Amino acid sequence: MTIKEVTQYLETKFPLYLQEDFDNCGVQCGDVHQEISGAMVCFEMSEQVIDEAILHGCNLVISHHPLILRRGITKIVPTDRVGAMICKALAHNMVLYSMHTNIDSGVGGGNDAFAEKLGLQNVQVLEPHRGLYGKLVVFVPADHAERLKSALFAMGCGVSGSYDSCAYTQKGTGQFRPLDGAHPYLGETGMLEHVNEERVEMIYPAGLQRAVVKTVYDNHPYEEPAFDLLPLENVSRQTGLGRIGTLAEDMPSGKFLTFLKEKLGLTHFRYRGDTSGIVRKVAVCGGGGAGFIDLAITSGADAYVSGDFKYHDFFKSDAGILLVDIGHYEGEFFIKNIIFNLLKEKFTTFATLMSKREKLDINYF
């Protein structure tokens, strides 16, 4: 089995098109076409993790945080932290791969797990994806419609929530007249032709638009297929950053803080807000979610739990919300368990290991 087969499976669960614009999910370095010898899962890439992977014969290391962002490093040298890791990985024919905001946003990903840890009910996405999909409208001879639809479904079109193979078809009559130099599938040069056609509509992930066009040309009988690509502004109900839901039972703010500490295994956190109030509706966002404080307030949350709040962010609690900064790592360290379990449940032909050398190197004095 190649590494590419493994990463392609992961991308069916958490597609790369779910990532944020600044992000760089997927392969960080290495040849994915080589045979996989083992996989190691971690939260953060480090030389210690790479050494551990080498020790155990793993040539695929999967992390949550990527090494390289879209506006990342401009050179790779072994004298800095990121360069040293990439050089060592390539020297040992390893692939470094990351699942960051695509798994944060995806169904069953980091933020869903965060909400589940707190037992939130009636969970919704806090900041849903917008403009994630386009719509393809294509006109095809009726006797070729099923072939074209099957090819489009196979490459990722027509998926809506928990449904796939979604399409709309309408019968009609198409007409055209081949001119000199044309090589028509039907008809004769200079003669007007009428054909029984089907109008096929289906949505597709916007990031796959180029592949959608190629699939149309590869599976359509006409020399010049007629089709439209329409941008959609539909808001996703299942994917996006953060989650918001209600607790199983209302609790005083002070009790909620204790509840939070126990559920997430925290030793400390920062908070600001009225601790004499009642918490029922809770918003969460793994990692650094300070940018969604206002959204949590307008969404009616009694408490917002995330990480990386700045000093002045806490003053927004004056709006009547309890703001809790548990830290960046503490709100998403469990994502590596999601990746590990996906691999263990799907693949049995190679070893999947969880890094034991990884630790959070931040201390409090």
Protein backbone atom coordinates (compact mmCIF):
# COMPACT_ATOMS: atom_id res chain seq x y z
CA MET A 1 0.00 0.00 0.00
CA THR A 2 1.31 3.44 -0.88
CA ILE A 3 1.30 6.45 1.41
CA LYS A 4 -0.91 8.21 -1.13
CA GLU A 5 -3.67 5.61 -0.62
CA VAL A 6 -3.60 6.36 3.11
CA THR A 7 -3.69 10.14 2.71
CA GLN A 8 -6.45 9.90 0.09
CA TYR A 9 -8.57 7.99 2.60
CA LEU A 10 -7.99 10.67 5.24
CA GLU A 11 -9.00 13.31 2.72
CA THR A 12 -12.31 11.56 2.06
CA LYS A 13 -13.07 12.12 5.75
CA PHE A 14 -11.62 15.62 6.00
CA PRO A 15 -11.24 17.08 2.49
CA LEU A 16 -8.50 19.61 1.90
CA TYR A 17 -11.01 22.10 0.49
CA LEU A 18 -12.31 22.58 4.05
CA GLN A 19 -9.09 24.31 5.09
CA GLU A 20 -8.92 28.05 5.72
CA ASP A 21 -7.25 30.35 3.18
CA PHE A 22 -4.12 30.86 5.28
CA ASP A 23 -3.60 27.16 5.90
CA ASN A 24 -1.50 24.45 4.26
CA CYS A 25 -3.03 21.09 5.05
CA GLY A 26 -1.85 17.87 3.43
CA VAL A 27 1.66 16.88 2.37
CA GLN A 28 4.40 19.05 3.84
CA CYS A 29 7.25 17.14 2.20
CA GLY A 30 8.14 13.71 0.81
CA ASP A 31 7.13 11.20 -1.87
CA VAL A 32 3.62 9.83 -1.30
CA HIS A 33 3.99 7.20 -4.02
CA GLN A 34 6.33 5.03 -1.96
CA GLU A 35 5.10 2.01 -0.03
CA ILE A 36 4.09 2.76 3.54
CA SER A 37 6.07 1.06 6.30
CA GLY A 38 4.25 2.60 9.26
CA ALA A 39 2.50 5.76 10.44
CA MET A 40 3.13 7.90 13.49
CA VAL A 41 0.54 10.39 14.73
CA CYS A 42 1.35 13.51 16.74
CA PHE A 43 -0.08 16.90 17.57
CA GLU A 44 3.00 18.98 16.70
CA MET A 45 5.93 18.10 14.46
CA SER A 46 9.31 18.04 16.19
CA GLU A 47 12.72 16.47 15.65
CA GLN A 48 11.99 14.23 18.63
CA VAL A 49 8.87 12.90 16.92
CA ILE A 50 10.73 12.36 13.65
CA ASP A 51 13.50 10.49 15.51
CA GLU A 52 10.82 8.37 17.16
CA ALA A 53 9.28 7.58 13.77
CA ILE A 54 12.70 6.59 12.40
CA LEU A 55 13.27 4.34 15.42
CA HIS A 56 9.99 2.50 14.80
CA GLY A 57 10.34 2.31 11.02
CA CYS A 58 7.49 4.72 10.21
CA ASN A 59 7.86 6.63 6.96
CA LEU A 60 4.65 8.67 7.42
CA VAL A 61 4.24 11.21 10.21
CA ILE A 62 0.84 12.87 10.56
CA SER A 63 0.46 15.97 12.71
CA HIS A 64 -2.33 18.40 13.47
CA HIS A 65 -0.34 21.61 13.06
CA PRO A 66 1.41 22.02 9.69
CA LEU A 67 5.08 22.88 9.38
CA ILE A 68 4.55 25.30 6.51
CA LEU A 69 1.72 27.80 6.08
CA ARG A 70 0.84 29.51 2.81
CA ARG A 71 3.00 32.48 3.75
CA GLY A 72 5.57 30.28 5.43
CA ILE A 73 9.27 29.63 5.04
CA THR A 74 11.18 30.90 2.01
CA LYS A 75 14.14 28.53 2.29
CA ILE A 76 14.90 25.09 3.72
CA VAL A 77 18.16 24.83 5.64
CA PRO A 78 19.13 22.49 8.49
CA THR A 79 20.04 25.38 10.78
CA ASP A 80 16.50 26.41 11.75
CA ARG A 81 13.71 24.43 13.43
CA VAL A 82 11.46 23.77 10.43
CA GLY A 83 14.31 23.28 7.97
CA ALA A 84 16.01 20.77 10.25
CA MET A 85 12.85 18.66 10.42
CA ILE A 86 12.28 18.72 6.68
CA CYS A 87 15.91 17.86 5.91
CA LYS A 88 15.90 14.95 8.37
CA ALA A 89 12.56 13.66 7.07
CA LEU A 90 13.72 13.74 3.45
CA ALA A 91 17.05 12.12 4.34
CA HIS A 92 15.06 9.15 5.70
CA ASN A 93 12.53 9.05 2.82
CA MET A 94 9.68 10.14 5.09
CA VAL A 95 6.47 11.95 4.28
CA LEU A 96 5.28 14.65 6.67
CA TYR A 97 1.54 15.27 6.45
CA SER A 98 -0.76 17.61 8.39
CA MET A 99 -4.49 17.79 9.12
CA HIS A 100 -5.19 21.26 10.48
CA THR A 101 -8.22 23.46 9.78
CA ASN A 102 -9.74 20.81 7.52
CA ILE A 103 -10.12 18.51 10.55
CA ASP A 104 -11.02 21.47 12.79
CA SER A 105 -13.99 22.26 10.55
CA GLY A 106 -15.03 18.84 9.32
CA VAL A 107 -17.82 16.54 10.47
CA GLY A 108 -16.54 14.42 13.35
CA GLY A 109 -13.43 16.59 13.63
CA GLY A 110 -11.85 18.67 16.35
CA ASN A 111 -14.68 21.06 17.15
CA ASP A 112 -17.28 18.31 17.12
CA ALA A 113 -15.07 16.39 19.58
CA PHE A 114 -14.74 19.52 21.74
CA ALA A 115 -18.52 19.91 21.94
CA GLU A 116 -18.90 16.20 22.66
CA LYS A 117 -16.44 16.39 25.58
CA LEU A 118 -18.73 18.94 27.22
CA GLY A 119 -21.84 16.92 26.40
CA LEU A 120 -23.36 19.77 24.38
CA GLN A 121 -26.73 19.12 22.80
CA ASN A 122 -28.42 20.60 19.71
CA VAL A 123 -24.97 21.46 18.41
CA GLN A 124 -24.58 23.85 15.49
CA VAL A 125 -21.58 25.30 13.67
CA LEU A 126 -20.52 28.64 15.14
CA GLU A 127 -18.88 30.05 11.98
CA PRO A 128 -20.24 28.02 9.04
CA HIS A 129 -18.39 27.81 5.77
CA ARG A 130 -19.71 30.04 3.01
CA GLY A 131 -19.08 29.81 -0.70
CA LEU A 132 -17.82 26.27 -0.27
CA TYR A 133 -19.69 24.88 -3.27
CA GLY A 134 -20.43 25.66 -6.89
CA LYS A 135 -23.13 24.27 -9.15
CA LEU A 136 -22.53 22.55 -12.46
CA VAL A 137 -25.23 22.72 -15.12
CA VAL A 138 -24.41 20.57 -18.13
CA PHE A 139 -26.39 19.57 -21.22
CA VAL A 140 -25.72 16.04 -22.49
CA PRO A 141 -27.35 13.59 -24.92
CA ALA A 142 -29.81 11.43 -22.99
CA ASP A 143 -27.98 8.19 -23.80
CA HIS A 144 -24.75 9.56 -22.25
CA ALA A 145 -26.25 11.19 -19.16
CA GLU A 146 -25.71 8.27 -16.76
CA ARG A 147 -22.06 7.84 -17.77
CA LEU A 148 -21.36 11.53 -17.21
CA LYS A 149 -23.18 11.62 -13.87
CA SER A 150 -21.32 8.53 -12.65
CA ALA A 151 -17.96 10.09 -13.53
CA LEU A 152 -18.85 13.33 -11.75
CA PHE A 153 -20.08 11.48 -8.65
CA ALA A 154 -16.86 9.45 -8.57
CA MET A 155 -14.70 12.57 -8.38
CA GLY A 156 -16.66 14.21 -5.56
CA CYS A 157 -19.65 16.02 -7.08
CA GLY A 158 -23.21 15.67 -5.83
CA VAL A 159 -22.47 15.34 -2.10
CA SER A 160 -24.82 17.17 0.25
CA GLY A 161 -24.45 16.53 3.98
CA SER A 162 -25.01 12.82 4.60
CA TYR A 163 -26.17 12.19 1.02
CA ASP A 164 -24.23 11.48 -2.16
CA SER A 165 -25.13 10.96 -5.84
CA CYS A 166 -27.38 14.05 -5.64
CA ALA A 167 -28.39 15.52 -8.99
CA TYR A 168 -31.33 17.06 -10.84
CA THR A 169 -32.20 16.03 -14.42
CA GLN A 170 -34.61 17.62 -16.87
CA LYS A 171 -35.32 16.36 -20.39
CA GLY A 172 -35.31 18.69 -23.35
CA THR A 173 -34.18 19.26 -26.91
CA GLY A 174 -30.80 20.67 -27.84
CA GLN A 175 -29.90 22.08 -31.23
CA PHE A 176 -26.70 23.01 -33.06
CA ARG A 177 -25.29 23.34 -36.56
CA PRO A 178 -21.73 22.13 -37.22
CA LEU A 179 -19.61 24.61 -39.19
CA ASP A 180 -16.63 23.99 -41.45
CA GLY A 181 -13.77 22.44 -39.48
CA ALA A 182 -16.03 20.86 -36.85
CA HIS A 183 -15.91 17.15 -36.03
CA PRO A 184 -19.41 16.57 -34.65
CA TYR A 185 -20.43 13.51 -32.67
CA LEU A 186 -23.86 13.88 -34.32
CA GLY A 187 -25.04 15.70 -37.43
CA GLU A 188 -23.50 16.95 -40.66
CA THR A 189 -21.62 20.11 -41.52
CA GLY A 190 -23.99 22.95 -42.35
CA MET A 191 -27.11 21.08 -41.23
CA LEU A 192 -29.18 22.04 -38.17
CA GLU A 193 -29.37 19.12 -35.74
CA HIS A 194 -31.89 18.47 -32.94
CA VAL A 195 -31.00 16.04 -30.15
CA ASN A 196 -32.82 14.62 -27.13
CA GLU A 197 -30.72 15.93 -24.27
CA GLU A 198 -30.80 16.08 -20.49
CA ARG A 199 -30.01 19.10 -18.38
CA VAL A 200 -28.03 17.78 -15.41
CA GLU A 201 -27.40 19.90 -12.31
CA MET A 202 -25.28 19.05 -9.28
CA ILE A 203 -23.16 20.80 -6.68
CA TYR A 204 -19.41 20.36 -6.35
CA PRO A 205 -16.72 21.53 -3.88
CA ALA A 206 -15.41 24.85 -5.20
CA GLY A 207 -11.82 23.66 -4.82
CA LEU A 208 -12.47 20.88 -7.35
CA GLN A 209 -13.71 23.14 -10.14
CA ARG A 210 -10.77 22.48 -12.48
CA ALA A 211 -11.18 18.72 -12.02
CA VAL A 212 -14.94 19.06 -12.65
CA VAL A 213 -14.33 20.75 -16.00
CA LYS A 214 -11.82 18.07 -17.00
CA THR A 215 -14.29 15.32 -16.05
CA VAL A 216 -16.99 16.92 -18.21
CA TYR A 217 -14.70 17.04 -21.24
CA ASP A 218 -13.42 13.51 -20.66
CA ASN A 219 -16.90 11.96 -20.39
CA HIS A 220 -19.05 14.05 -22.72
CA PRO A 221 -19.46 12.89 -26.33
CA TYR A 222 -19.62 16.39 -27.84
CA GLU A 223 -16.60 18.17 -29.22
CA GLU A 224 -17.80 21.33 -27.44
CA PRO A 225 -19.97 20.47 -24.40
CA ALA A 226 -22.36 23.14 -23.17
CA PHE A 227 -22.12 23.73 -19.42
CA ASP A 228 -22.30 26.46 -16.78
CA LEU A 229 -20.35 26.85 -13.52
CA LEU A 230 -22.31 28.86 -10.97
CA PRO A 231 -20.89 30.13 -7.63
CA LEU A 232 -23.11 29.40 -4.63
CA GLU A 233 -23.40 31.40 -1.43
CA ASN A 234 -25.13 28.61 0.51
CA VAL A 235 -24.07 28.35 4.15
CA SER A 236 -22.92 24.92 5.30
CA ARG A 237 -24.83 23.53 8.28
CA GLN A 238 -22.19 20.90 9.07
CA THR A 239 -18.73 22.35 8.44
CA GLY A 240 -16.93 25.41 9.72
CA LEU A 241 -15.01 26.60 12.76
CA GLY A 242 -16.39 26.44 16.31
CA ARG A 243 -19.55 24.86 17.68
CA ILE A 244 -22.41 26.10 19.86
CA GLY A 245 -24.91 24.05 21.83
CA THR A 246 -26.66 23.68 25.16
CA LEU A 247 -25.52 21.87 28.30
CA ALA A 248 -27.44 18.81 29.42
CA GLU A 249 -28.57 20.92 32.39
CA ASP A 250 -28.21 24.57 33.37
CA MET A 251 -25.52 25.29 35.93
CA PRO A 252 -24.19 28.32 37.83
CA SER A 253 -21.12 29.90 36.24
CA GLY A 254 -18.89 28.85 39.12
CA LYS A 255 -20.00 25.23 38.81
CA PHE A 256 -19.50 25.42 35.05
CA LEU A 257 -15.85 26.40 35.52
CA THR A 258 -15.32 23.37 37.75
CA PHE A 259 -17.18 21.20 35.22
CA LEU A 260 -14.95 22.52 32.44
CA LYS A 261 -11.79 21.81 34.43
CA GLU A 262 -12.82 18.22 35.07
CA LYS A 263 -14.10 17.41 31.58
CA LEU A 264 -10.99 18.71 29.82
CA GLY A 265 -8.45 17.64 32.47
CA LEU A 266 -7.23 21.21 32.98
CA THR A 267 -4.92 22.40 35.74
CA HIS A 268 -5.44 26.11 35.09
CA PHE A 269 -7.14 28.58 32.74
CA ARG A 270 -8.03 32.25 32.48
CA TYR A 271 -11.55 33.62 32.58
CA ARG A 272 -13.54 36.81 32.98
CA GLY A 273 -17.25 37.37 33.44
CA ASP A 274 -20.04 37.30 35.98
CA THR A 275 -19.66 34.08 37.98
CA SER A 276 -23.03 34.56 39.64
CA GLY A 277 -24.95 33.91 36.43
CA ILE A 278 -26.33 30.72 34.87
CA VAL A 279 -24.67 28.91 31.94
CA ARG A 280 -26.89 27.04 29.53
CA LYS A 281 -25.72 27.84 26.02
CA VAL A 282 -22.00 27.29 25.36
CA ALA A 283 -19.83 28.11 22.35
CA VAL A 284 -16.46 26.43 21.83
CA CYS A 285 -13.60 26.67 19.35
CA GLY A 286 -10.43 24.62 19.49
CA GLY A 287 -7.08 26.36 19.15
CA GLY A 288 -7.02 30.14 18.84
CA GLY A 289 -10.60 31.38 18.69
CA ALA A 290 -10.40 34.96 19.91
CA GLY A 291 -11.71 36.15 16.56
CA PHE A 292 -15.09 34.52 17.24
CA ILE A 293 -15.87 36.17 20.59
CA ASP A 294 -18.28 38.66 19.00
CA LEU A 295 -19.97 35.85 17.10
CA ALA A 296 -20.40 33.85 20.31
CA ILE A 297 -22.02 36.90 21.92
CA THR A 298 -24.42 37.56 19.03
CA SER A 299 -25.27 33.83 18.94
CA GLY A 300 -26.56 34.10 22.50
CA ALA A 301 -23.88 32.02 24.23
CA ASP A 302 -23.69 32.31 28.01
CA ALA A 303 -20.06 31.13 27.88
CA TYR A 304 -17.39 30.93 25.21
CA VAL A 305 -14.47 28.54 25.63
CA SER A 306 -11.40 28.78 23.40
CA GLY A 307 -7.73 29.82 23.47
CA ASP A 308 -5.26 32.61 22.73
CA PHE A 309 -7.34 35.50 24.09
CA LYS A 310 -5.47 38.80 24.36
CA TYR A 311 -5.77 41.15 27.31
CA HIS A 312 -8.32 43.44 25.67
CA ASP A 313 -10.42 40.52 24.41
CA PHE A 314 -11.54 39.82 27.95
CA PHE A 315 -13.32 43.17 28.21
CA LYS A 316 -15.91 41.84 25.78
CA SER A 317 -17.28 39.81 28.69
CA ASP A 318 -19.02 43.05 29.73
CA ALA A 319 -21.67 42.04 27.19
CA GLY A 320 -22.79 39.40 29.70
CA ILE A 321 -20.81 36.40 28.50
CA LEU A 322 -18.35 34.28 30.46
CA LEU A 323 -15.07 34.15 28.51
CA VAL A 324 -12.76 31.24 29.25
CA ASP A 325 -9.27 30.92 27.74
CA ILE A 326 -8.14 27.33 28.30
CA GLY A 327 -5.12 27.63 25.99
CA HIS A 328 -4.48 26.73 22.37
CA TYR A 329 -3.17 23.21 22.97
CA GLU A 330 -5.79 22.32 25.59
CA GLY A 331 -8.67 22.92 23.18
CA GLU A 332 -7.47 20.58 20.47
CA PHE A 333 -4.83 18.13 21.71
CA PHE A 334 -7.42 15.34 21.37
CA ILE A 335 -7.49 15.75 17.59
CA LYS A 336 -4.56 13.36 17.30
CA ASN A 337 -6.81 10.65 18.76
CA ILE A 338 -9.29 11.20 15.91
CA ILE A 339 -6.53 10.69 13.33
CA PHE A 340 -5.10 7.67 15.17
CA ASN A 341 -8.49 5.97 15.44
CA LEU A 342 -9.29 6.56 11.75
CA LEU A 343 -6.08 4.82 10.72
CA LYS A 344 -6.39 1.94 13.21
CA GLU A 345 -9.96 1.18 12.17
CA LYS A 346 -9.29 1.33 8.42
CA PHE A 347 -5.82 -0.17 7.94
CA THR A 348 -4.31 -3.39 9.29
CA THR A 349 -1.41 -3.86 6.88
CA PHE A 350 0.95 -1.45 8.66
CA ALA A 351 1.53 -0.25 12.22
CA THR A 352 -0.05 3.00 13.39
CA LEU A 353 1.62 4.48 16.47
CA MET A 354 0.91 7.46 18.70
CA SER A 355 3.98 9.51 19.51
CA LYS A 356 5.17 9.03 23.11
CA ARG A 357 7.93 11.63 23.00
CA GLU A 358 5.66 14.56 22.30
CA LYS A 359 4.93 16.97 25.11
CA LEU A 360 3.87 20.59 25.53
CA ASP A 361 7.08 22.52 26.19
CA ILE A 362 5.37 25.46 27.87
CA ASN A 363 5.93 25.86 31.59
CA TYR A 364 4.35 28.15 34.20
CA PHE A 365 6.51 29.60 36.98
